[in-house]
Amino acid sequence: MLVCDCNDVEFDAIKEAVKKHGDNLEAIMDETEAGTVCECCLEEDCDKVDLPLPLAIKKALEELG
C-alpha cells in the first residue's frame, strides 16, 4: 500500500517507524522520508497515494494495538 509517491514509501515502512516512534510525525518523516518532497501525502485527501501518511500512522497504531 503506497503512502508516499515521491519517495516510494510503502505502509510496511510506516508501520515499522510507528513501532519505534509512536505517532511522532517528524520522527516518522525523518526515518522514512515520507512527506518530504511534494507533501501531498501529508493531506488526507491526497489522490497520489493509496493511504495518506496521517491515515497510515493511525492505521499502524491500531494494528499495533
C-alpha atoms as a PDB file:
ATOM      1  CA  MET A   1       0.000   0.000   0.000  1.00  0.00           C
ATOM      2  CA  LEU A   2       1.646   3.216  -1.202  1.00  0.00           C
ATOM      3  CA  VAL A   3       1.889   6.013   1.381  1.00  0.00           C
ATOM      4  CA  CYS A   4       4.341   8.403  -0.345  1.00  0.00           C
ATOM      5  CA  ASP A   5       4.539   8.545  -4.132  1.00  0.00           C
ATOM      6  CA  CYS A   6       7.611  10.796  -4.370  1.00  0.00           C
ATOM      7  CA  ASN A   7       9.830   8.574  -2.209  1.00  0.00           C
ATOM      8  CA  ASP A   8       8.062   5.260  -2.935  1.00  0.00           C
ATOM      9  CA  VAL A   9       7.274   4.628   0.752  1.00  0.00           C
ATOM     10  CA  GLU A  10       5.002   1.694   1.498  1.00  0.00           C
ATOM     11  CA  PHE A  11       2.743   1.162   4.537  1.00  0.00           C
ATOM     12  CA  ASP A  12       5.067  -1.510   5.975  1.00  0.00           C
ATOM     13  CA  ALA A  13       7.858   1.081   6.308  1.00  0.00           C
ATOM     14  CA  ILE A  14       5.489   3.443   8.102  1.00  0.00           C
ATOM     15  CA  LYS A  15       4.366   0.652  10.428  1.00  0.00           C
ATOM     16  CA  GLU A  16       7.989  -0.120  11.341  1.00  0.00           C
ATOM     17  CA  ALA A  17       8.632   3.564  12.050  1.00  0.00           C
ATOM     18  CA  VAL A  18       5.483   3.767  14.193  1.00  0.00           C
ATOM     19  CA  LYS A  19       6.784   0.837  16.266  1.00  0.00           C
ATOM     20  CA  LYS A  20       9.820   2.968  17.151  1.00  0.00           C
ATOM     21  CA  HIS A  21       8.356   6.472  17.251  1.00  0.00           C
ATOM     22  CA  GLY A  22       4.642   6.115  18.035  1.00  0.00           C
ATOM     23  CA  ASP A  23       2.687   8.948  16.434  1.00  0.00           C
ATOM     24  CA  ASN A  24       5.670  11.364  16.250  1.00  0.00           C
ATOM     25  CA  LEU A  25       5.145  12.669  12.713  1.00  0.00           C
ATOM     26  CA  GLU A  26       8.544  14.380  12.415  1.00  0.00           C
ATOM     27  CA  ALA A  27      10.452  11.272  13.530  1.00  0.00           C
ATOM     28  CA  ILE A  28       8.470   9.084  11.116  1.00  0.00           C
ATOM     29  CA  MET A  29       9.125  11.536   8.271  1.00  0.00           C
ATOM     30  CA  ASP A  30      12.845  11.645   9.137  1.00  0.00           C
ATOM     31  CA  GLU A  31      13.141   7.859   9.178  1.00  0.00           C
ATOM     32  CA  THR A  32      11.053   7.057   6.093  1.00  0.00           C
ATOM     33  CA  GLU A  33      11.350  10.317   4.083  1.00  0.00           C
ATOM     34  CA  ALA A  34       7.574  10.136   3.550  1.00  0.00           C
ATOM     35  CA  GLY A  35       6.057  13.574   3.052  1.00  0.00           C
ATOM     36  CA  THR A  36       9.384  15.318   2.494  1.00  0.00           C
ATOM     37  CA  VAL A  37       9.107  16.209  -1.218  1.00  0.00           C
ATOM     38  CA  CYS A  38       5.746  17.430  -2.564  1.00  0.00           C
ATOM     39  CA  GLU A  39       3.952  16.930   0.780  1.00  0.00           C
ATOM     40  CA  CYS A  40       0.702  15.787  -0.896  1.00  0.00           C
ATOM     41  CA  CYS A  41       0.670  12.614   1.223  1.00  0.00           C
ATOM     42  CA  LEU A  42       0.509  14.742   4.365  1.00  0.00           C
ATOM     43  CA  GLU A  43      -3.033  15.703   3.319  1.00  0.00           C
ATOM     44  CA  GLU A  44      -5.794  13.165   3.966  1.00  0.00           C
ATOM     45  CA  ASP A  45      -7.366  13.899   0.552  1.00  0.00           C
ATOM     46  CA  CYS A  46      -4.175  13.241  -1.468  1.00  0.00           C
ATOM     47  CA  ASP A  47      -5.078  11.299  -4.618  1.00  0.00           C
ATOM     48  CA  LYS A  48      -1.494  10.247  -5.477  1.00  0.00           C
ATOM     49  CA  VAL A  49      -1.297   7.505  -2.836  1.00  0.00           C
ATOM     50  CA  ASP A  50      -3.298   4.541  -1.540  1.00  0.00           C
ATOM     51  CA  LEU A  51      -3.148   5.723   2.080  1.00  0.00           C
ATOM     52  CA  PRO A  52      -2.004   9.233   3.062  1.00  0.00           C
ATOM     53  CA  LEU A  53       0.580   9.485   5.845  1.00  0.00           C
ATOM     54  CA  PRO A  54      -1.728  10.666   8.677  1.00  0.00           C
ATOM     55  CA  LEU A  55      -4.122   7.799   7.963  1.00  0.00           C
ATOM     56  CA  ALA A  56      -1.247   5.335   7.604  1.00  0.00           C
ATOM     57  CA  ILE A  57       0.055   6.328  11.031  1.00  0.00           C
ATOM     58  CA  LYS A  58      -3.431   5.936  12.512  1.00  0.00           C
ATOM     59  CA  LYS A  59      -3.857   2.503  10.882  1.00  0.00           C
ATOM     60  CA  ALA A  60      -0.419   1.369  12.075  1.00  0.00           C
ATOM     61  CA  LEU A  61      -1.198   2.425  15.645  1.00  0.00           C
ATOM     62  CA  GLU A  62      -4.500   0.496  15.506  1.00  0.00           C
ATOM     63  CA  GLU A  63      -2.798  -2.625  14.106  1.00  0.00           C
ATOM     64  CA  LEU A  64      -0.011  -2.490  16.676  1.00  0.00           C
ATOM     65  CA  GLY A  65      -2.572  -2.096  19.439  1.00  0.00           C
END
